[in-house]
Amino acid sequence: MNSLNPEIVQASLPGLFKTILIILGALVLLRFLGRVMIAKRNLDEERANLAREKEFVRERNEKLKNFGKVSVSKSTPKGDVQDVDYEEIK
């Protein structure tokens, strides 16, 4: 019968340790990349929220500035609109 050769066992142990270290390194790298991607997504969402908030504030200020003012548009109305003469109601 063939007995286990100690050289073969010794040669495979360093390979096993290298494989385990490579797998652990890959997992650590993937975790790090995942955290970086989450941070990037959060920053993009924050920028989008700030842009929406600025647009809202600008629009609100514009509407408050023009509140109660009448504006006359010289363009023709869209759709089926009929102009009528002014008549005073008694």
PDB file of N, CA and C in Angstrom:
ATOM      1  N   MET A   1       0.817  -1.175   0.000  1.00  0.00           N
ATOM      2  CA  MET A   1       0.000   0.000   0.000  1.00  0.00           C
ATOM      3  C   MET A   1       0.866   1.245   0.000  1.00  0.00           C
ATOM      4  N   ASN A   2       0.298   2.239  -0.621  1.00  0.00           N
ATOM      5  CA  ASN A   2       1.007   3.517  -0.662  1.00  0.00           C
ATOM      6  C   ASN A   2       0.678   4.320   0.591  1.00  0.00           C
ATOM      7  N   SER A   3       1.681   4.797   1.255  1.00  0.00           N
ATOM      8  CA  SER A   3       1.445   5.659   2.408  1.00  0.00           C
ATOM      9  C   SER A   3       1.557   7.115   1.949  1.00  0.00           C
ATOM     10  N   LEU A   4       0.977   8.011   2.724  1.00  0.00           N
ATOM     11  CA  LEU A   4       1.017   9.429   2.370  1.00  0.00           C
ATOM     12  C   LEU A   4       2.441   9.938   2.417  1.00  0.00           C
ATOM     13  N   ASN A   5       2.801  10.613   1.401  1.00  0.00           N
ATOM     14  CA  ASN A   5       4.130  11.178   1.321  1.00  0.00           C
ATOM     15  C   ASN A   5       4.116  12.524   2.053  1.00  0.00           C
ATOM     16  N   PRO A   6       4.973  12.762   3.041  1.00  0.00           N
ATOM     17  CA  PRO A   6       4.962  14.020   3.799  1.00  0.00           C
ATOM     18  C   PRO A   6       5.278  15.237   2.926  1.00  0.00           C
ATOM     19  N   GLU A   7       6.041  15.069   1.869  1.00  0.00           N
ATOM     20  CA  GLU A   7       6.359  16.196   0.994  1.00  0.00           C
ATOM     21  C   GLU A   7       5.101  16.697   0.283  1.00  0.00           C
ATOM     22  N   ILE A   8       4.231  15.788  -0.103  1.00  0.00           N
ATOM     23  CA  ILE A   8       2.995  16.184  -0.787  1.00  0.00           C
ATOM     24  C   ILE A   8       2.088  16.924   0.190  1.00  0.00           C
ATOM     25  N   VAL A   9       1.987  16.452   1.416  1.00  0.00           N
ATOM     26  CA  VAL A   9       1.161  17.103   2.427  1.00  0.00           C
ATOM     27  C   VAL A   9       1.724  18.482   2.741  1.00  0.00           C
ATOM     28  N   GLN A  10       3.026  18.607   2.880  1.00  0.00           N
ATOM     29  CA  GLN A  10       3.637  19.897   3.169  1.00  0.00           C
ATOM     30  C   GLN A  10       3.475  20.847   1.997  1.00  0.00           C
ATOM     31  N   ALA A  11       3.519  20.353   0.801  1.00  0.00           N
ATOM     32  CA  ALA A  11       3.395  21.213  -0.368  1.00  0.00           C
ATOM     33  C   ALA A  11       1.976  21.742  -0.502  1.00  0.00           C
ATOM     34  N   SER A  12       0.995  20.972  -0.055  1.00  0.00           N
ATOM     35  CA  SER A  12      -0.371  21.424  -0.215  1.00  0.00           C
ATOM     36  C   SER A  12      -0.808  22.371   0.911  1.00  0.00           C
ATOM     37  N   LEU A  13      -0.206  22.325   2.086  1.00  0.00           N
ATOM     38  CA  LEU A  13      -0.572  23.233   3.169  1.00  0.00           C
ATOM     39  C   LEU A  13      -0.292  24.695   2.835  1.00  0.00           C
ATOM     40  N   PRO A  14       0.865  25.054   2.297  1.00  0.00           N
ATOM     41  CA  PRO A  14       1.059  26.461   1.912  1.00  0.00           C
ATOM     42  C   PRO A  14       0.064  26.898   0.822  1.00  0.00           C
ATOM     43  N   GLY A  15      -0.237  26.009  -0.090  1.00  0.00           N
ATOM     44  CA  GLY A  15      -1.226  26.338  -1.123  1.00  0.00           C
ATOM     45  C   GLY A  15      -2.601  26.568  -0.526  1.00  0.00           C
ATOM     46  N   LEU A  16      -2.962  25.766   0.460  1.00  0.00           N
ATOM     47  CA  LEU A  16      -4.247  25.928   1.152  1.00  0.00           C
ATOM     48  C   LEU A  16      -4.290  27.271   1.875  1.00  0.00           C
ATOM     49  N   PHE A  17      -3.211  27.599   2.579  1.00  0.00           N
ATOM     50  CA  PHE A  17      -3.175  28.886   3.277  1.00  0.00           C
ATOM     51  C   PHE A  17      -3.248  30.054   2.300  1.00  0.00           C
ATOM     52  N   LYS A  18      -2.550  29.953   1.182  1.00  0.00           N
ATOM     53  CA  LYS A  18      -2.611  31.011   0.169  1.00  0.00           C
ATOM     54  C   LYS A  18      -4.024  31.162  -0.367  1.00  0.00           C
ATOM     55  N   THR A  19      -4.677  30.034  -0.622  1.00  0.00           N
ATOM     56  CA  THR A  19      -6.045  30.078  -1.144  1.00  0.00           C
ATOM     57  C   THR A  19      -6.986  30.728  -0.142  1.00  0.00           C
ATOM     58  N   ILE A  20      -6.832  30.340   1.124  1.00  0.00           N
ATOM     59  CA  ILE A  20      -7.678  30.943   2.169  1.00  0.00           C
ATOM     60  C   ILE A  20      -7.415  32.441   2.262  1.00  0.00           C
ATOM     61  N   LEU A  21      -6.155  32.848   2.212  1.00  0.00           N
ATOM     62  CA  LEU A  21      -5.833  34.277   2.278  1.00  0.00           C
ATOM     63  C   LEU A  21      -6.374  35.030   1.061  1.00  0.00           C
ATOM     64  N   ILE A  22      -6.304  34.431  -0.100  1.00  0.00           N
ATOM     65  CA  ILE A  22      -6.841  35.080  -1.305  1.00  0.00           C
ATOM     66  C   ILE A  22      -8.349  35.244  -1.195  1.00  0.00           C
ATOM     67  N   ILE A  23      -9.030  34.216  -0.707  1.00  0.00           N
ATOM     68  CA  ILE A  23     -10.486  34.306  -0.546  1.00  0.00           C
ATOM     69  C   ILE A  23     -10.852  35.378   0.478  1.00  0.00           C
ATOM     70  N   LEU A  24     -10.153  35.403   1.608  1.00  0.00           N
ATOM     71  CA  LEU A  24     -10.401  36.431   2.619  1.00  0.00           C
ATOM     72  C   LEU A  24     -10.112  37.828   2.082  1.00  0.00           C
ATOM     73  N   GLY A  25      -9.030  37.964   1.333  1.00  0.00           N
ATOM     74  CA  GLY A  25      -8.696  39.258   0.735  1.00  0.00           C
ATOM     75  C   GLY A  25      -9.773  39.714  -0.237  1.00  0.00           C
ATOM     76  N   ALA A  26     -10.285  38.777  -1.037  1.00  0.00           N
ATOM     77  CA  ALA A  26     -11.346  39.121  -1.981  1.00  0.00           C
ATOM     78  C   ALA A  26     -12.609  39.554  -1.248  1.00  0.00           C
ATOM     79  N   LEU A  27     -12.965  38.870  -0.169  1.00  0.00           N
ATOM     80  CA  LEU A  27     -14.147  39.245   0.608  1.00  0.00           C
ATOM     81  C   LEU A  27     -13.984  40.621   1.243  1.00  0.00           C
ATOM     82  N   VAL A  28     -12.805  40.887   1.793  1.00  0.00           N
ATOM     83  CA  VAL A  28     -12.550  42.202   2.392  1.00  0.00           C
ATOM     84  C   VAL A  28     -12.628  43.289   1.326  1.00  0.00           C
ATOM     85  N   LEU A  29     -12.070  43.030   0.158  1.00  0.00           N
ATOM     86  CA  LEU A  29     -12.117  44.001  -0.935  1.00  0.00           C
ATOM     87  C   LEU A  29     -13.551  44.254  -1.387  1.00  0.00           C
ATOM     88  N   LEU A  30     -14.343  43.203  -1.510  1.00  0.00           N
ATOM     89  CA  LEU A  30     -15.742  43.372  -1.906  1.00  0.00           C
ATOM     90  C   LEU A  30     -16.539  44.146  -0.861  1.00  0.00           C
ATOM     91  N   ARG A  31     -16.275  43.885   0.418  1.00  0.00           N
ATOM     92  CA  ARG A  31     -16.947  44.648   1.474  1.00  0.00           C
ATOM     93  C   ARG A  31     -16.581  46.121   1.409  1.00  0.00           C
ATOM     94  N   PHE A  32     -15.307  46.401   1.195  1.00  0.00           N
ATOM     95  CA  PHE A  32     -14.850  47.785   1.096  1.00  0.00           C
ATOM     96  C   PHE A  32     -15.495  48.485  -0.095  1.00  0.00           C
ATOM     97  N   LEU A  33     -15.511  47.817  -1.244  1.00  0.00           N
ATOM     98  CA  LEU A  33     -16.137  48.412  -2.425  1.00  0.00           C
ATOM     99  C   LEU A  33     -17.627  48.638  -2.207  1.00  0.00           C
ATOM    100  N   GLY A  34     -18.291  47.723  -1.511  1.00  0.00           N
ATOM    101  CA  GLY A  34     -19.702  47.900  -1.207  1.00  0.00           C
ATOM    102  C   GLY A  34     -19.948  49.128  -0.354  1.00  0.00           C
ATOM    103  N   ARG A  35     -19.114  49.334   0.640  1.00  0.00           N
ATOM    104  CA  ARG A  35     -19.262  50.520   1.494  1.00  0.00           C
ATOM    105  C   ARG A  35     -18.991  51.809   0.722  1.00  0.00           C
ATOM    106  N   VAL A  36     -18.015  51.777  -0.163  1.00  0.00           N
ATOM    107  CA  VAL A  36     -17.727  52.961  -0.981  1.00  0.00           C
ATOM    108  C   VAL A  36     -18.916  53.269  -1.898  1.00  0.00           C
ATOM    109  N   MET A  37     -19.511  52.239  -2.481  1.00  0.00           N
ATOM    110  CA  MET A  37     -20.655  52.451  -3.370  1.00  0.00           C
ATOM    111  C   MET A  37     -21.863  52.993  -2.594  1.00  0.00           C
ATOM    112  N   ILE A  38     -22.074  52.505  -1.373  1.00  0.00           N
ATOM    113  CA  ILE A  38     -23.167  53.013  -0.540  1.00  0.00           C
ATOM    114  C   ILE A  38     -22.937  54.485  -0.205  1.00  0.00           C
ATOM    115  N   ALA A  39     -21.700  54.833   0.136  1.00  0.00           N
ATOM    116  CA  ALA A  39     -21.379  56.232   0.447  1.00  0.00           C
ATOM    117  C   ALA A  39     -21.591  57.116  -0.775  1.00  0.00           C
ATOM    118  N   LYS A  40     -21.197  56.642  -1.947  1.00  0.00           N
ATOM    119  CA  LYS A  40     -21.391  57.422  -3.180  1.00  0.00           C
ATOM    120  C   LYS A  40     -22.874  57.621  -3.459  1.00  0.00           C
ATOM    121  N   ARG A  41     -23.678  56.581  -3.285  1.00  0.00           N
ATOM    122  CA  ARG A  41     -25.117  56.694  -3.503  1.00  0.00           C
ATOM    123  C   ARG A  41     -25.734  57.698  -2.537  1.00  0.00           C
ATOM    124  N   ASN A  42     -25.309  57.676  -1.273  1.00  0.00           N
ATOM    125  CA  ASN A  42     -25.834  58.618  -0.284  1.00  0.00           C
ATOM    126  C   ASN A  42     -25.475  60.055  -0.643  1.00  0.00           C
ATOM    127  N   LEU A  43     -24.251  60.278  -1.118  1.00  0.00           N
ATOM    128  CA  LEU A  43     -23.860  61.625  -1.530  1.00  0.00           C
ATOM    129  C   LEU A  43     -24.681  62.104  -2.723  1.00  0.00           C
ATOM    130  N   ASP A  44     -24.918  61.220  -3.691  1.00  0.00           N
ATOM    131  CA  ASP A  44     -25.724  61.598  -4.852  1.00  0.00           C
ATOM    132  C   ASP A  44     -27.156  61.935  -4.444  1.00  0.00           C
ATOM    133  N   GLU A  45     -27.722  61.159  -3.532  1.00  0.00           N
ATOM    134  CA  GLU A  45     -29.075  61.442  -3.048  1.00  0.00           C
ATOM    135  C   GLU A  45     -29.116  62.774  -2.312  1.00  0.00           C
ATOM    136  N   GLU A  46     -28.088  63.062  -1.527  1.00  0.00           N
ATOM    137  CA  GLU A  46     -28.046  64.328  -0.792  1.00  0.00           C
ATOM    138  C   GLU A  46     -27.960  65.505  -1.758  1.00  0.00           C
ATOM    139  N   ARG A  47     -27.136  65.377  -2.790  1.00  0.00           N
ATOM    140  CA  ARG A  47     -27.035  66.448  -3.793  1.00  0.00           C
ATOM    141  C   ARG A  47     -28.362  66.665  -4.505  1.00  0.00           C
ATOM    142  N   ALA A  48     -29.044  65.577  -4.842  1.00  0.00           N
ATOM    143  CA  ALA A  48     -30.340  65.691  -5.517  1.00  0.00           C
ATOM    144  C   ALA A  48     -31.364  66.357  -4.601  1.00  0.00           C
ATOM    145  N   ASN A  49     -31.359  65.998  -3.324  1.00  0.00           N
ATOM    146  CA  ASN A  49     -32.293  66.617  -2.374  1.00  0.00           C
ATOM    147  C   ASN A  49     -32.010  68.106  -2.214  1.00  0.00           C
ATOM    148  N   LEU A  50     -30.739  68.476  -2.144  1.00  0.00           N
ATOM    149  CA  LEU A  50     -30.391  69.896  -2.025  1.00  0.00           C
ATOM    150  C   LEU A  50     -30.816  70.670  -3.266  1.00  0.00           C
ATOM    151  N   ALA A  51     -30.647  70.075  -4.449  1.00  0.00           N
ATOM    152  CA  ALA A  51     -31.055  70.742  -5.684  1.00  0.00           C
ATOM    153  C   ALA A  51     -32.565  70.929  -5.708  1.00  0.00           C
ATOM    154  N   ARG A  52     -33.319  69.908  -5.294  1.00  0.00           N
ATOM    155  CA  ARG A  52     -34.785  70.031  -5.255  1.00  0.00           C
ATOM    156  C   ARG A  52     -35.208  71.096  -4.255  1.00  0.00           C
ATOM    157  N   GLU A  53     -34.530  71.140  -3.108  1.00  0.00           N
ATOM    158  CA  GLU A  53     -34.879  72.131  -2.092  1.00  0.00           C
ATOM    159  C   GLU A  53     -34.592  73.550  -2.588  1.00  0.00           C
ATOM    160  N   LYS A  54     -33.451  73.751  -3.258  1.00  0.00           N
ATOM    161  CA  LYS A  54     -33.128  75.069  -3.806  1.00  0.00           C
ATOM    162  C   LYS A  54     -34.151  75.494  -4.850  1.00  0.00           C
ATOM    163  N   GLU A  55     -34.555  74.559  -5.712  1.00  0.00           N
ATOM    164  CA  GLU A  55     -35.559  74.855  -6.731  1.00  0.00           C
ATOM    165  C   GLU A  55     -36.890  75.214  -6.080  1.00  0.00           C
ATOM    166  N   PHE A  56     -37.256  74.505  -5.039  1.00  0.00           N
ATOM    167  CA  PHE A  56     -38.499  74.784  -4.329  1.00  0.00           C
ATOM    168  C   PHE A  56     -38.467  76.180  -3.715  1.00  0.00           C
ATOM    169  N   VAL A  57     -37.359  76.525  -3.051  1.00  0.00           N
ATOM    170  CA  VAL A  57     -37.237  77.838  -2.414  1.00  0.00           C
ATOM    171  C   VAL A  57     -37.262  78.939  -3.469  1.00  0.00           C
ATOM    172  N   ARG A  58     -36.579  78.728  -4.597  1.00  0.00           N
ATOM    173  CA  ARG A  58     -36.579  79.732  -5.658  1.00  0.00           C
ATOM    174  C   ARG A  58     -37.987  79.938  -6.214  1.00  0.00           C
ATOM    175  N   GLU A  59     -38.694  78.852  -6.455  1.00  0.00           N
ATOM    176  CA  GLU A  59     -40.046  78.940  -6.999  1.00  0.00           C
ATOM    177  C   GLU A  59     -40.993  79.599  -5.989  1.00  0.00           C
ATOM    178  N   ARG A  60     -40.841  79.246  -4.714  1.00  0.00           N
ATOM    179  CA  ARG A  60     -41.695  79.843  -3.678  1.00  0.00           C
ATOM    180  C   ARG A  60     -41.451  81.343  -3.572  1.00  0.00           C
ATOM    181  N   ASN A  61     -40.187  81.761  -3.598  1.00  0.00           N
ATOM    182  CA  ASN A  61     -39.873  83.186  -3.525  1.00  0.00           C
ATOM    183  C   ASN A  61     -40.411  83.932  -4.735  1.00  0.00           C
ATOM    184  N   GLU A  62     -40.315  83.322  -5.903  1.00  0.00           N
ATOM    185  CA  GLU A  62     -40.830  83.950  -7.116  1.00  0.00           C
ATOM    186  C   GLU A  62     -42.349  84.115  -7.035  1.00  0.00           C
ATOM    187  N   LYS A  63     -43.040  83.108  -6.544  1.00  0.00           N
ATOM    188  CA  LYS A  63     -44.493  83.184  -6.424  1.00  0.00           C
ATOM    189  C   LYS A  63     -44.902  84.198  -5.358  1.00  0.00           C
ATOM    190  N   LEU A  64     -44.158  84.261  -4.246  1.00  0.00           N
ATOM    191  CA  LEU A  64     -44.472  85.258  -3.215  1.00  0.00           C
ATOM    192  C   LEU A  64     -44.241  86.672  -3.724  1.00  0.00           C
ATOM    193  N   LYS A  65     -43.233  86.852  -4.563  1.00  0.00           N
ATOM    194  CA  LYS A  65     -42.944  88.171  -5.123  1.00  0.00           C
ATOM    195  C   LYS A  65     -44.062  88.619  -6.050  1.00  0.00           C
ATOM    196  N   ASN A  66     -44.638  87.690  -6.788  1.00  0.00           N
ATOM    197  CA  ASN A  66     -45.686  88.031  -7.754  1.00  0.00           C
ATOM    198  C   ASN A  66     -47.093  87.801  -7.211  1.00  0.00           C
ATOM    199  N   PHE A  67     -47.217  87.526  -5.919  1.00  0.00           N
ATOM    200  CA  PHE A  67     -48.517  87.230  -5.342  1.00  0.00           C
ATOM    201  C   PHE A  67     -49.431  88.448  -5.429  1.00  0.00           C
ATOM    202  N   GLY A  68     -50.618  88.277  -5.984  1.00  0.00           N
ATOM    203  CA  GLY A  68     -51.603  89.348  -6.087  1.00  0.00           C
ATOM    204  C   GLY A  68     -51.447  90.228  -7.301  1.00  0.00           C
ATOM    205  N   LYS A  69     -50.406  90.047  -8.081  1.00  0.00           N
ATOM    206  CA  LYS A  69     -50.209  90.850  -9.279  1.00  0.00           C
ATOM    207  C   LYS A  69     -50.911  90.191 -10.454  1.00  0.00           C
ATOM    208  N   VAL A  70     -51.395  91.030 -11.364  1.00  0.00           N
ATOM    209  CA  VAL A  70     -52.076  90.526 -12.549  1.00  0.00           C
ATOM    210  C   VAL A  70     -51.111  90.597 -13.718  1.00  0.00           C
ATOM    211  N   SER A  71     -51.043  89.528 -14.484  1.00  0.00           N
ATOM    212  CA  SER A  71     -50.191  89.532 -15.665  1.00  0.00           C
ATOM    213  C   SER A  71     -51.062  89.264 -16.889  1.00  0.00           C
ATOM    214  N   VAL A  72     -50.777  90.009 -17.950  1.00  0.00           N
ATOM    215  CA  VAL A  72     -51.535  89.866 -19.190  1.00  0.00           C
ATOM    216  C   VAL A  72     -50.635  89.202 -20.208  1.00  0.00           C
ATOM    217  N   SER A  73     -51.133  88.145 -20.790  1.00  0.00           N
ATOM    218  CA  SER A  73     -50.360  87.406 -21.773  1.00  0.00           C
ATOM    219  C   SER A  73     -50.833  87.795 -23.169  1.00  0.00           C
ATOM    220  N   LYS A  74     -49.901  88.149 -24.044  1.00  0.00           N
ATOM    221  CA  LYS A  74     -50.238  88.552 -25.405  1.00  0.00           C
ATOM    222  C   LYS A  74     -50.377  87.351 -26.341  1.00  0.00           C
ATOM    223  N   SER A  75     -49.995  86.192 -25.889  1.00  0.00           N
ATOM    224  CA  SER A  75     -50.061  85.015 -26.752  1.00  0.00           C
ATOM    225  C   SER A  75     -51.502  84.514 -26.859  1.00  0.00           C
ATOM    226  N   THR A  76     -51.782  83.823 -27.935  1.00  0.00           N
ATOM    227  CA  THR A  76     -53.128  83.290 -28.131  1.00  0.00           C
ATOM    228  C   THR A  76     -53.332  82.109 -27.191  1.00  0.00           C
ATOM    229  N   PRO A  77     -54.533  82.012 -26.628  1.00  0.00           N
ATOM    230  CA  PRO A  77     -54.787  80.905 -25.706  1.00  0.00           C
ATOM    231  C   PRO A  77     -54.837  79.565 -26.427  1.00  0.00           C
ATOM    232  N   LYS A  78     -54.471  78.547 -25.712  1.00  0.00           N
ATOM    233  CA  LYS A  78     -54.495  77.199 -26.274  1.00  0.00           C
ATOM    234  C   LYS A  78     -55.840  76.561 -25.984  1.00  0.00           C
ATOM    235  N   GLY A  79     -56.319  75.775 -26.912  1.00  0.00           N
ATOM    236  CA  GLY A  79     -57.564  75.063 -26.704  1.00  0.00           C
ATOM    237  C   GLY A  79     -58.746  75.815 -27.296  1.00  0.00           C
ATOM    238  N   ASP A  80     -59.924  75.403 -26.906  1.00  0.00           N
ATOM    239  CA  ASP A  80     -61.167  75.963 -27.438  1.00  0.00           C
ATOM    240  C   ASP A  80     -61.650  77.072 -26.506  1.00  0.00           C
ATOM    241  N   VAL A  81     -61.201  78.323 -26.760  1.00  0.00           N
ATOM    242  CA  VAL A  81     -61.522  79.456 -25.902  1.00  0.00           C
ATOM    243  C   VAL A  81     -62.283  80.482 -26.723  1.00  0.00           C
ATOM    244  N   GLN A  82     -63.336  81.050 -26.121  1.00  0.00           N
ATOM    245  CA  GLN A  82     -64.136  82.063 -26.804  1.00  0.00           C
ATOM    246  C   GLN A  82     -64.132  83.319 -25.951  1.00  0.00           C
ATOM    247  N   ASP A  83     -63.703  84.451 -26.546  1.00  0.00           N
ATOM    248  CA  ASP A  83     -63.700  85.724 -25.845  1.00  0.00           C
ATOM    249  C   ASP A  83     -65.083  86.353 -25.940  1.00  0.00           C
ATOM    250  N   VAL A  84     -65.549  86.948 -24.859  1.00  0.00           N
ATOM    251  CA  VAL A  84     -66.854  87.629 -24.840  1.00  0.00           C
ATOM    252  C   VAL A  84     -66.657  89.051 -24.383  1.00  0.00           C
ATOM    253  N   ASP A  85     -67.572  89.939 -24.764  1.00  0.00           N
ATOM    254  CA  ASP A  85     -67.519  91.320 -24.361  1.00  0.00           C
ATOM    255  C   ASP A  85     -67.939  91.440 -22.906  1.00  0.00           C
ATOM    256  N   TYR A  86     -67.433  92.501 -22.270  1.00  0.00           N
ATOM    257  CA  TYR A  86     -67.749  92.750 -20.870  1.00  0.00           C
ATOM    258  C   TYR A  86     -69.133  93.344 -20.788  1.00  0.00           C
ATOM    259  N   GLU A  87     -69.951  92.819 -19.920  1.00  0.00           N
ATOM    260  CA  GLU A  87     -71.271  93.368 -19.681  1.00  0.00           C
ATOM    261  C   GLU A  87     -71.429  93.557 -18.172  1.00  0.00           C
ATOM    262  N   GLU A  88     -71.942  94.723 -17.818  1.00  0.00           N
ATOM    263  CA  GLU A  88     -72.145  95.002 -16.406  1.00  0.00           C
ATOM    264  C   GLU A  88     -73.449  94.375 -15.955  1.00  0.00           C
ATOM    265  N   ILE A  89     -73.414  93.718 -14.854  1.00  0.00           N
ATOM    266  CA  ILE A  89     -74.601  93.074 -14.307  1.00  0.00           C
ATOM    267  C   ILE A  89     -75.228  93.988 -13.271  1.00  0.00           C
ATOM    268  N   LYS A  90     -76.566  94.222 -13.420  1.00  0.00           N
ATOM    269  CA  LYS A  90     -77.262  95.105 -12.464  1.00  0.00           C
ATOM    270  C   LYS A  90     -78.041  94.321 -11.471  1.00  0.00           C
TER     271      LYS A  90
END
